[in-house]
Structures are given as C-alpha cells and as structure tokens.
C-alpha cells in the first residue's frame, strides 16, 4: 500500500542515500588499520607466529598452512570490505537483513527540519496527523522517519480491526 506520505518519505530517503553514497555495494576501506593499528599489528603478528609453528612442526602439513592462510584472508575481508545499505521506506518496522546490519536506522536517523516543515505546511497529512507530528516534535525536538511513517501505518492497522 503506497500513499503520498510513503512517496514523500522515500524521496527524502533517496536524497539521503545519494548524499551519503548508500548504494548497497561493497567497497574497500582501510579505515580499520587507521582506527585500530595496534589490533591489526597484533593480528598480523599472531598470524606469522601461527604460520611459524605450522611450518616448524612435523605434525602439520601443507593442507594446514593453506587452510590457515585462507582463514586469515577471509577474516581480513570482513575488516576491509564495507557495505552502506540504502535506506528504504519498505524496511521500516520490518525484520530485514539490512536492518540487522545497520541497526534500526529509522529510529536513529533524524528527519531534516525542512522536510518536517514541508509536511506540516503541505497537504499530504491530515490536520490530525499534523497535530500529532507537532506534538512529537515539541516533546523531542526532532523526529525520526519511523515517527512520520507510523502516523498512517499504525492508525490504519488499528482502524482495520
């Protein structure tokens, strides 16, 4: 069920996605080494130490060395490849993989004040929804995307019962 409010919210989210370069694609980032140089140095040292033990010992063969290298490379990929999932209106209040990765972004990302003013001055919201939104804004001083989204989606669920 798509309505004009959902379309306006998605348009705003598309703008945020473009500004923050959120495109659901993995990208290479070495910020882990910059942020945690000691931890990365320790990881490399322990890898070299493990390889030394594997190569020195008569018990271990080439298979163990190869497996150890594959594990080290695979685990490093988790540190160096990041994904910036895009924000979508369809993910609000849903158990989506992207929400597991980013957390409940719709309860963490504040809506721009210009967009809230646009909603309050426009004809997308009813007068009751506008007053609810103004009350929430007065209480908290900011709004989340879930606050606006739930104006229609909670009331429609309640009225359907």
N, C-alpha and C. Protein backbone atom coordinates (compact mmCIF):
# COMPACT_ATOMS: atom_id res chain seq x y z
N UNK A 1 0.85 -1.17 0.00
CA UNK A 1 0.00 0.00 0.00
C UNK A 1 0.89 1.24 0.00
N UNK A 2 0.93 1.91 -1.13
CA UNK A 2 1.75 3.10 -1.26
C UNK A 2 0.83 4.32 -1.25
N UNK A 3 1.19 5.28 -0.45
CA UNK A 3 0.42 6.52 -0.43
C UNK A 3 1.37 7.70 -0.61
N UNK A 4 0.81 8.88 -0.64
CA UNK A 4 1.62 10.07 -0.90
C UNK A 4 2.64 10.33 0.20
N UNK A 5 2.31 9.96 1.43
CA UNK A 5 3.27 10.12 2.53
C UNK A 5 4.47 9.19 2.33
N UNK A 6 4.20 7.93 1.96
CA UNK A 6 5.29 6.98 1.69
C UNK A 6 6.17 7.48 0.55
N UNK A 7 5.56 8.03 -0.48
CA UNK A 7 6.33 8.54 -1.61
C UNK A 7 7.21 9.72 -1.19
N UNK A 8 6.66 10.61 -0.37
CA UNK A 8 7.45 11.76 0.10
C UNK A 8 8.61 11.30 1.00
N UNK A 9 8.33 10.33 1.87
CA UNK A 9 9.39 9.80 2.73
C UNK A 9 10.48 9.11 1.91
N UNK A 10 10.08 8.32 0.90
CA UNK A 10 11.06 7.64 0.07
C UNK A 10 11.89 8.64 -0.73
N UNK A 11 11.27 9.71 -1.18
CA UNK A 11 12.01 10.75 -1.90
C UNK A 11 13.07 11.37 -0.99
N UNK A 12 12.70 11.63 0.25
CA UNK A 12 13.65 12.17 1.23
C UNK A 12 14.77 11.16 1.51
N UNK A 13 14.41 9.89 1.65
CA UNK A 13 15.41 8.85 1.88
C UNK A 13 16.34 8.70 0.67
N UNK A 14 15.80 8.82 -0.52
CA UNK A 14 16.64 8.76 -1.73
C UNK A 14 17.66 9.88 -1.73
N UNK A 15 17.27 11.05 -1.24
CA UNK A 15 18.21 12.17 -1.16
C UNK A 15 19.32 11.86 -0.15
N UNK A 16 18.96 11.30 0.99
CA UNK A 16 19.96 10.91 1.99
C UNK A 16 20.87 9.83 1.42
N UNK A 17 20.29 8.85 0.74
CA UNK A 17 21.10 7.79 0.12
C UNK A 17 22.11 8.36 -0.86
N UNK A 18 21.68 9.33 -1.65
CA UNK A 18 22.59 9.95 -2.63
C UNK A 18 23.67 10.77 -1.92
N UNK A 19 23.29 11.53 -0.90
CA UNK A 19 24.25 12.37 -0.16
C UNK A 19 25.31 11.52 0.55
N UNK A 20 24.88 10.40 1.14
CA UNK A 20 25.79 9.55 1.91
C UNK A 20 26.39 8.42 1.06
N UNK A 21 26.10 8.42 -0.23
CA UNK A 21 26.59 7.39 -1.16
C UNK A 21 26.24 5.98 -0.68
N UNK A 22 24.98 5.80 -0.30
CA UNK A 22 24.47 4.49 0.12
C UNK A 22 23.91 3.79 -1.11
N UNK A 23 24.61 2.72 -1.55
CA UNK A 23 24.19 2.06 -2.79
C UNK A 23 24.17 0.54 -2.68
N UNK A 24 24.23 -0.01 -1.49
CA UNK A 24 24.17 -1.45 -1.25
C UNK A 24 25.31 -2.25 -1.87
N UNK A 25 26.38 -1.60 -2.27
CA UNK A 25 27.52 -2.29 -2.87
C UNK A 25 28.68 -2.33 -1.89
N UNK A 26 29.42 -3.43 -1.89
CA UNK A 26 30.61 -3.49 -1.04
C UNK A 26 31.71 -2.58 -1.58
N UNK A 27 32.46 -1.97 -0.68
CA UNK A 27 33.58 -1.14 -1.10
C UNK A 27 34.76 -1.40 -0.17
N UNK A 28 35.95 -1.22 -0.73
CA UNK A 28 37.19 -1.46 0.01
C UNK A 28 37.51 -0.23 0.84
N UNK A 29 37.83 -0.45 2.13
CA UNK A 29 38.10 0.65 3.04
C UNK A 29 39.14 0.20 4.05
N UNK A 30 40.24 0.94 4.15
CA UNK A 30 41.31 0.56 5.08
C UNK A 30 41.21 1.31 6.40
N UNK A 31 40.05 1.85 6.70
CA UNK A 31 39.90 2.61 7.94
C UNK A 31 40.13 1.73 9.17
N UNK A 32 39.96 0.42 9.05
CA UNK A 32 40.21 -0.47 10.19
C UNK A 32 41.66 -0.36 10.64
N UNK A 33 42.59 -0.33 9.69
CA UNK A 33 44.01 -0.21 10.04
C UNK A 33 44.28 1.16 10.67
N UNK A 34 43.64 2.21 10.15
CA UNK A 34 43.84 3.55 10.70
C UNK A 34 43.24 3.68 12.10
N UNK A 35 42.07 3.07 12.28
CA UNK A 35 41.38 3.18 13.57
C UNK A 35 41.96 2.27 14.65
N UNK A 36 42.45 1.09 14.25
CA UNK A 36 42.95 0.11 15.21
C UNK A 36 44.32 -0.44 14.76
N UNK A 37 45.34 0.40 14.70
CA UNK A 37 46.64 -0.10 14.20
C UNK A 37 47.26 -1.15 15.12
N UNK A 38 47.09 -1.01 16.41
CA UNK A 38 47.65 -1.99 17.35
C UNK A 38 46.99 -3.34 17.21
N UNK A 39 45.68 -3.35 17.08
CA UNK A 39 44.95 -4.60 16.92
C UNK A 39 45.34 -5.29 15.61
N UNK A 40 45.44 -4.51 14.53
CA UNK A 40 45.81 -5.11 13.25
C UNK A 40 47.24 -5.65 13.29
N UNK A 41 48.15 -4.91 13.94
CA UNK A 41 49.53 -5.38 14.07
C UNK A 41 49.57 -6.68 14.87
N UNK A 42 48.79 -6.76 15.94
CA UNK A 42 48.72 -7.97 16.75
C UNK A 42 48.18 -9.14 15.94
N UNK A 43 47.15 -8.89 15.13
CA UNK A 43 46.60 -9.94 14.28
C UNK A 43 47.66 -10.47 13.32
N UNK A 44 48.38 -9.57 12.69
CA UNK A 44 49.43 -9.99 11.73
C UNK A 44 50.55 -10.74 12.45
N UNK A 45 50.94 -10.26 13.62
CA UNK A 45 51.99 -10.92 14.39
C UNK A 45 51.56 -12.34 14.77
N UNK A 46 50.33 -12.48 15.23
CA UNK A 46 49.84 -13.80 15.62
C UNK A 46 49.69 -14.72 14.41
N UNK A 47 49.36 -14.16 13.25
CA UNK A 47 49.31 -14.97 12.04
C UNK A 47 50.70 -15.50 11.68
N UNK A 48 51.68 -14.61 11.73
CA UNK A 48 53.07 -15.02 11.42
C UNK A 48 53.54 -16.06 12.44
N UNK A 49 53.21 -15.86 13.70
CA UNK A 49 53.58 -16.82 14.74
C UNK A 49 52.91 -18.18 14.48
N UNK A 50 51.64 -18.16 14.13
CA UNK A 50 50.93 -19.41 13.83
C UNK A 50 51.54 -20.10 12.61
N UNK A 51 51.86 -19.32 11.58
CA UNK A 51 52.48 -19.90 10.39
C UNK A 51 53.85 -20.51 10.74
N UNK A 52 54.58 -19.83 11.61
CA UNK A 52 55.88 -20.36 12.05
C UNK A 52 55.73 -21.70 12.74
N UNK A 53 54.75 -21.80 13.62
CA UNK A 53 54.51 -23.06 14.33
C UNK A 53 54.09 -24.15 13.34
N UNK A 54 53.22 -23.80 12.40
CA UNK A 54 52.76 -24.79 11.42
C UNK A 54 53.90 -25.28 10.54
N UNK A 55 54.77 -24.37 10.13
CA UNK A 55 55.87 -24.75 9.25
C UNK A 55 56.98 -25.48 10.01
N UNK A 56 57.20 -25.14 11.26
CA UNK A 56 58.25 -25.75 12.07
C UNK A 56 57.89 -27.16 12.52
N UNK A 57 56.61 -27.36 12.80
CA UNK A 57 56.17 -28.64 13.35
C UNK A 57 56.13 -29.72 12.27
N UNK A 58 56.48 -30.92 12.67
CA UNK A 58 56.40 -32.06 11.76
C UNK A 58 54.98 -32.60 11.64
N UNK A 59 54.14 -32.25 12.59
CA UNK A 59 52.77 -32.77 12.64
C UNK A 59 51.89 -32.16 11.56
N UNK A 60 52.12 -30.89 11.24
CA UNK A 60 51.27 -30.19 10.29
C UNK A 60 51.89 -30.21 8.90
N UNK A 61 51.02 -30.25 7.89
CA UNK A 61 51.48 -30.28 6.51
C UNK A 61 51.01 -29.06 5.72
N UNK A 62 51.08 -29.20 4.42
CA UNK A 62 50.70 -28.10 3.53
C UNK A 62 49.23 -27.77 3.64
N UNK A 63 48.40 -28.75 3.88
CA UNK A 63 46.95 -28.52 3.99
C UNK A 63 46.64 -27.54 5.12
N UNK A 64 47.24 -27.74 6.26
CA UNK A 64 47.00 -26.86 7.41
C UNK A 64 47.48 -25.44 7.12
N UNK A 65 48.63 -25.31 6.45
CA UNK A 65 49.16 -23.99 6.11
C UNK A 65 48.20 -23.28 5.16
N UNK A 66 47.72 -23.99 4.15
CA UNK A 66 46.79 -23.40 3.19
C UNK A 66 45.49 -23.00 3.87
N UNK A 67 44.96 -23.86 4.72
CA UNK A 67 43.72 -23.56 5.45
C UNK A 67 43.91 -22.34 6.34
N UNK A 68 45.03 -22.25 7.02
CA UNK A 68 45.31 -21.10 7.88
C UNK A 68 45.36 -19.81 7.06
N UNK A 69 46.00 -19.86 5.90
CA UNK A 69 46.08 -18.68 5.03
C UNK A 69 44.69 -18.27 4.53
N UNK A 70 43.89 -19.25 4.13
CA UNK A 70 42.54 -18.96 3.64
C UNK A 70 41.69 -18.33 4.74
N UNK A 71 41.79 -18.86 5.94
CA UNK A 71 41.04 -18.29 7.07
C UNK A 71 41.49 -16.86 7.34
N UNK A 72 42.80 -16.61 7.33
CA UNK A 72 43.31 -15.27 7.59
C UNK A 72 42.82 -14.29 6.52
N UNK A 73 42.88 -14.68 5.28
CA UNK A 73 42.44 -13.80 4.18
C UNK A 73 40.93 -13.56 4.27
N UNK A 74 40.17 -14.58 4.55
CA UNK A 74 38.71 -14.44 4.65
C UNK A 74 38.33 -13.50 5.79
N UNK A 75 38.95 -13.68 6.94
CA UNK A 75 38.62 -12.82 8.08
C UNK A 75 39.05 -11.38 7.83
N UNK A 76 40.16 -11.19 7.12
CA UNK A 76 40.58 -9.83 6.79
C UNK A 76 39.58 -9.15 5.85
N UNK A 77 38.94 -9.92 4.99
CA UNK A 77 37.94 -9.35 4.09
C UNK A 77 36.80 -8.70 4.87
N UNK A 78 36.45 -9.28 6.00
CA UNK A 78 35.39 -8.68 6.82
C UNK A 78 35.81 -7.31 7.36
N UNK A 79 37.09 -7.11 7.59
CA UNK A 79 37.56 -5.84 8.12
C UNK A 79 37.72 -4.78 7.03
N UNK A 80 37.99 -5.20 5.80
CA UNK A 80 38.33 -4.24 4.75
C UNK A 80 37.22 -3.98 3.74
N UNK A 81 36.18 -4.78 3.73
CA UNK A 81 35.07 -4.52 2.83
C UNK A 81 33.85 -4.12 3.65
N UNK A 82 33.27 -3.01 3.27
CA UNK A 82 32.10 -2.48 3.97
C UNK A 82 30.96 -2.32 2.98
N UNK A 83 29.77 -2.29 3.50
CA UNK A 83 28.57 -2.06 2.70
C UNK A 83 27.81 -0.93 3.37
N UNK A 84 27.37 0.02 2.57
CA UNK A 84 26.49 1.06 3.07
C UNK A 84 25.10 0.79 2.50
N UNK A 85 24.28 0.06 3.26
CA UNK A 85 22.94 -0.25 2.75
C UNK A 85 22.10 1.02 2.58
N UNK A 86 21.29 1.03 1.54
CA UNK A 86 20.43 2.19 1.30
C UNK A 86 19.23 2.13 2.24
N UNK A 87 18.73 3.30 2.56
CA UNK A 87 17.54 3.41 3.39
C UNK A 87 16.31 3.32 2.48
N UNK A 88 15.35 2.50 2.86
CA UNK A 88 14.11 2.37 2.11
C UNK A 88 12.93 2.39 3.05
N UNK A 89 11.85 2.99 2.61
CA UNK A 89 10.64 3.08 3.42
C UNK A 89 10.09 1.68 3.72
N UNK A 90 10.31 0.74 2.81
CA UNK A 90 9.79 -0.62 2.99
C UNK A 90 10.47 -1.35 4.15
N UNK A 91 11.63 -0.88 4.60
CA UNK A 91 12.36 -1.54 5.69
C UNK A 91 11.91 -1.10 7.08
N UNK A 92 11.10 -0.06 7.16
CA UNK A 92 10.67 0.43 8.47
C UNK A 92 9.76 -0.60 9.13
N UNK A 93 10.07 -0.92 10.37
CA UNK A 93 9.32 -1.89 11.17
C UNK A 93 9.31 -3.29 10.59
N UNK A 94 10.31 -3.63 9.79
CA UNK A 94 10.41 -4.96 9.21
C UNK A 94 11.71 -5.59 9.68
N UNK A 95 11.72 -6.90 9.79
CA UNK A 95 12.94 -7.62 10.12
C UNK A 95 13.72 -7.90 8.85
N UNK A 96 14.47 -6.94 8.36
CA UNK A 96 15.21 -7.09 7.11
C UNK A 96 16.69 -7.28 7.42
N UNK A 97 17.39 -7.95 6.49
CA UNK A 97 18.83 -8.16 6.64
C UNK A 97 19.55 -6.83 6.79
N UNK A 98 19.13 -5.83 6.03
CA UNK A 98 19.80 -4.53 6.10
C UNK A 98 19.64 -3.92 7.48
N UNK A 99 18.50 -4.13 8.11
CA UNK A 99 18.30 -3.58 9.45
C UNK A 99 19.19 -4.28 10.46
N UNK A 100 19.44 -5.56 10.25
CA UNK A 100 20.37 -6.27 11.14
C UNK A 100 21.78 -5.69 11.00
N UNK A 101 22.13 -5.31 9.79
CA UNK A 101 23.47 -4.78 9.52
C UNK A 101 23.61 -3.34 10.03
N UNK A 102 22.59 -2.54 9.82
CA UNK A 102 22.69 -1.11 10.17
C UNK A 102 22.00 -0.77 11.47
N UNK A 103 21.30 -1.70 12.06
CA UNK A 103 20.50 -1.38 13.23
C UNK A 103 19.16 -0.82 12.77
N UNK A 104 18.38 -0.38 13.69
CA UNK A 104 17.09 0.20 13.34
C UNK A 104 17.31 1.65 12.94
N UNK A 105 17.80 1.85 11.72
CA UNK A 105 18.17 3.19 11.24
C UNK A 105 16.99 4.14 11.30
N UNK A 106 15.79 3.64 11.10
CA UNK A 106 14.61 4.51 11.07
C UNK A 106 14.28 5.08 12.44
N UNK A 107 14.92 4.55 13.49
CA UNK A 107 14.78 5.13 14.83
C UNK A 107 16.07 5.81 15.27
N UNK A 108 17.00 6.00 14.33
CA UNK A 108 18.27 6.64 14.65
C UNK A 108 18.57 7.84 13.75
N UNK A 109 18.02 7.83 12.53
CA UNK A 109 18.28 8.90 11.58
C UNK A 109 17.21 9.97 11.74
N UNK A 110 17.64 11.19 12.05
CA UNK A 110 16.69 12.29 12.22
C UNK A 110 16.22 12.80 10.87
N UNK A 111 14.97 13.20 10.82
CA UNK A 111 14.40 13.80 9.62
C UNK A 111 14.81 15.27 9.59
N UNK A 112 15.20 15.73 8.40
CA UNK A 112 15.60 17.14 8.28
C UNK A 112 14.43 18.05 8.64
N UNK A 113 14.75 19.16 9.28
CA UNK A 113 13.72 20.12 9.71
C UNK A 113 12.96 20.68 8.51
N UNK A 114 13.66 20.90 7.39
CA UNK A 114 12.99 21.40 6.18
C UNK A 114 11.91 20.44 5.70
N UNK A 115 12.20 19.15 5.76
CA UNK A 115 11.22 18.16 5.32
C UNK A 115 10.01 18.14 6.25
N UNK A 116 10.24 18.24 7.55
CA UNK A 116 9.14 18.27 8.51
C UNK A 116 8.27 19.50 8.25
N UNK A 117 8.91 20.65 8.03
CA UNK A 117 8.15 21.86 7.74
C UNK A 117 7.36 21.73 6.44
N UNK A 118 7.95 21.07 5.46
CA UNK A 118 7.26 20.84 4.19
C UNK A 118 6.02 19.98 4.41
N UNK A 119 6.14 18.96 5.25
CA UNK A 119 4.97 18.11 5.55
C UNK A 119 3.90 18.89 6.30
N UNK A 120 4.33 19.69 7.26
CA UNK A 120 3.37 20.43 8.07
C UNK A 120 2.65 21.52 7.27
N UNK A 121 3.33 22.09 6.30
CA UNK A 121 2.71 23.14 5.51
C UNK A 121 2.01 22.60 4.26
N UNK A 122 2.29 21.36 3.89
CA UNK A 122 1.69 20.78 2.69
C UNK A 122 0.35 20.14 2.95
N UNK A 123 -0.16 19.45 1.94
CA UNK A 123 -1.48 18.81 2.06
C UNK A 123 -1.38 17.28 2.08
N UNK A 124 -0.20 16.75 2.35
CA UNK A 124 -0.04 15.29 2.41
C UNK A 124 -0.66 14.74 3.68
N UNK A 125 -0.51 15.44 4.79
CA UNK A 125 -1.01 14.98 6.08
C UNK A 125 -2.36 15.61 6.40
N UNK A 126 -3.18 14.87 7.13
CA UNK A 126 -4.44 15.42 7.62
C UNK A 126 -4.14 16.34 8.80
N UNK A 127 -5.14 17.10 9.21
CA UNK A 127 -4.93 18.03 10.33
C UNK A 127 -4.63 17.26 11.63
N UNK A 128 -5.24 16.10 11.80
CA UNK A 128 -4.97 15.27 12.99
C UNK A 128 -3.53 14.76 12.98
N UNK A 129 -3.07 14.32 11.81
CA UNK A 129 -1.69 13.85 11.69
C UNK A 129 -0.70 14.98 11.90
N UNK A 130 -1.04 16.16 11.42
CA UNK A 130 -0.15 17.31 11.61
C UNK A 130 -0.04 17.67 13.08
N UNK A 131 -1.17 17.62 13.80
CA UNK A 131 -1.11 17.95 15.23
C UNK A 131 -0.32 16.89 16.00
N UNK A 132 -0.47 15.62 15.63
CA UNK A 132 0.31 14.55 16.26
C UNK A 132 1.80 14.77 16.02
N UNK A 133 2.13 15.11 14.78
CA UNK A 133 3.52 15.36 14.42
C UNK A 133 4.08 16.57 15.18
N UNK A 134 3.30 17.62 15.29
CA UNK A 134 3.75 18.81 16.02
C UNK A 134 3.94 18.51 17.50
N UNK A 135 3.07 17.68 18.07
CA UNK A 135 3.22 17.30 19.48
C UNK A 135 4.50 16.49 19.69
N UNK A 136 4.77 15.55 18.79
CA UNK A 136 6.00 14.76 18.90
C UNK A 136 7.23 15.65 18.75
N UNK A 137 7.16 16.57 17.81
CA UNK A 137 8.28 17.49 17.58
C UNK A 137 8.51 18.38 18.79
N UNK A 138 7.44 18.83 19.41
CA UNK A 138 7.56 19.67 20.59
C UNK A 138 8.16 18.90 21.77
N UNK A 139 7.79 17.63 21.91
CA UNK A 139 8.30 16.82 23.02
C UNK A 139 9.78 16.50 22.86
N UNK A 140 10.16 16.03 21.66
CA UNK A 140 11.52 15.54 21.46
C UNK A 140 12.46 16.58 20.87
N UNK A 141 11.92 17.49 20.07
CA UNK A 141 12.78 18.47 19.40
C UNK A 141 13.28 18.00 18.05
N UNK A 142 13.00 16.77 17.70
CA UNK A 142 13.39 16.17 16.42
C UNK A 142 12.44 15.03 16.14
N UNK A 143 12.47 14.53 14.91
CA UNK A 143 11.63 13.39 14.53
C UNK A 143 12.47 12.36 13.81
N UNK A 144 12.07 11.12 13.96
CA UNK A 144 12.68 10.02 13.21
C UNK A 144 11.75 9.68 12.04
N UNK A 145 12.28 8.94 11.08
CA UNK A 145 11.46 8.52 9.96
C UNK A 145 10.33 7.61 10.42
N UNK A 146 10.58 6.81 11.44
CA UNK A 146 9.53 5.92 11.95
C UNK A 146 8.37 6.72 12.54
N UNK A 147 8.66 7.86 13.16
CA UNK A 147 7.59 8.69 13.72
C UNK A 147 6.61 9.13 12.64
N UNK A 148 7.13 9.55 11.52
CA UNK A 148 6.28 10.01 10.43
C UNK A 148 5.60 8.82 9.75
N UNK A 149 6.34 7.77 9.53
CA UNK A 149 5.80 6.58 8.87
C UNK A 149 4.63 6.00 9.66
N UNK A 150 4.77 5.97 10.97
CA UNK A 150 3.76 5.35 11.82
C UNK A 150 2.49 6.19 11.96
N UNK A 151 2.51 7.42 11.49
CA UNK A 151 1.29 8.22 11.52
C UNK A 151 0.16 7.51 10.77
N UNK A 152 0.49 6.97 9.62
CA UNK A 152 -0.51 6.31 8.79
C UNK A 152 -0.57 4.81 9.03
N UNK A 153 0.55 4.20 9.24
CA UNK A 153 0.57 2.74 9.27
C UNK A 153 0.07 2.16 10.58
N UNK A 154 0.23 2.84 11.67
CA UNK A 154 -0.34 2.35 12.94
C UNK A 154 -1.83 2.61 12.98
N UNK A 155 -2.24 3.80 12.54
CA UNK A 155 -3.68 4.12 12.59
C UNK A 155 -4.47 3.26 11.61
N UNK A 156 -3.85 2.91 10.47
CA UNK A 156 -4.57 2.07 9.52
C UNK A 156 -4.72 0.65 10.07
N UNK A 157 -3.75 0.15 10.84
CA UNK A 157 -3.85 -1.17 11.43
C UNK A 157 -4.92 -1.19 12.53
N UNK A 158 -4.97 -0.12 13.31
CA UNK A 158 -5.94 -0.04 14.41
C UNK A 158 -7.36 0.06 13.85
N UNK A 159 -7.55 0.90 12.84
CA UNK A 159 -8.88 1.10 12.29
C UNK A 159 -9.36 -0.12 11.52
N UNK A 160 -8.44 -0.97 11.03
CA UNK A 160 -8.82 -2.16 10.29
C UNK A 160 -9.37 -3.24 11.22
N UNK A 161 -9.05 -3.17 12.51
CA UNK A 161 -9.50 -4.20 13.46
C UNK A 161 -10.88 -3.98 13.89
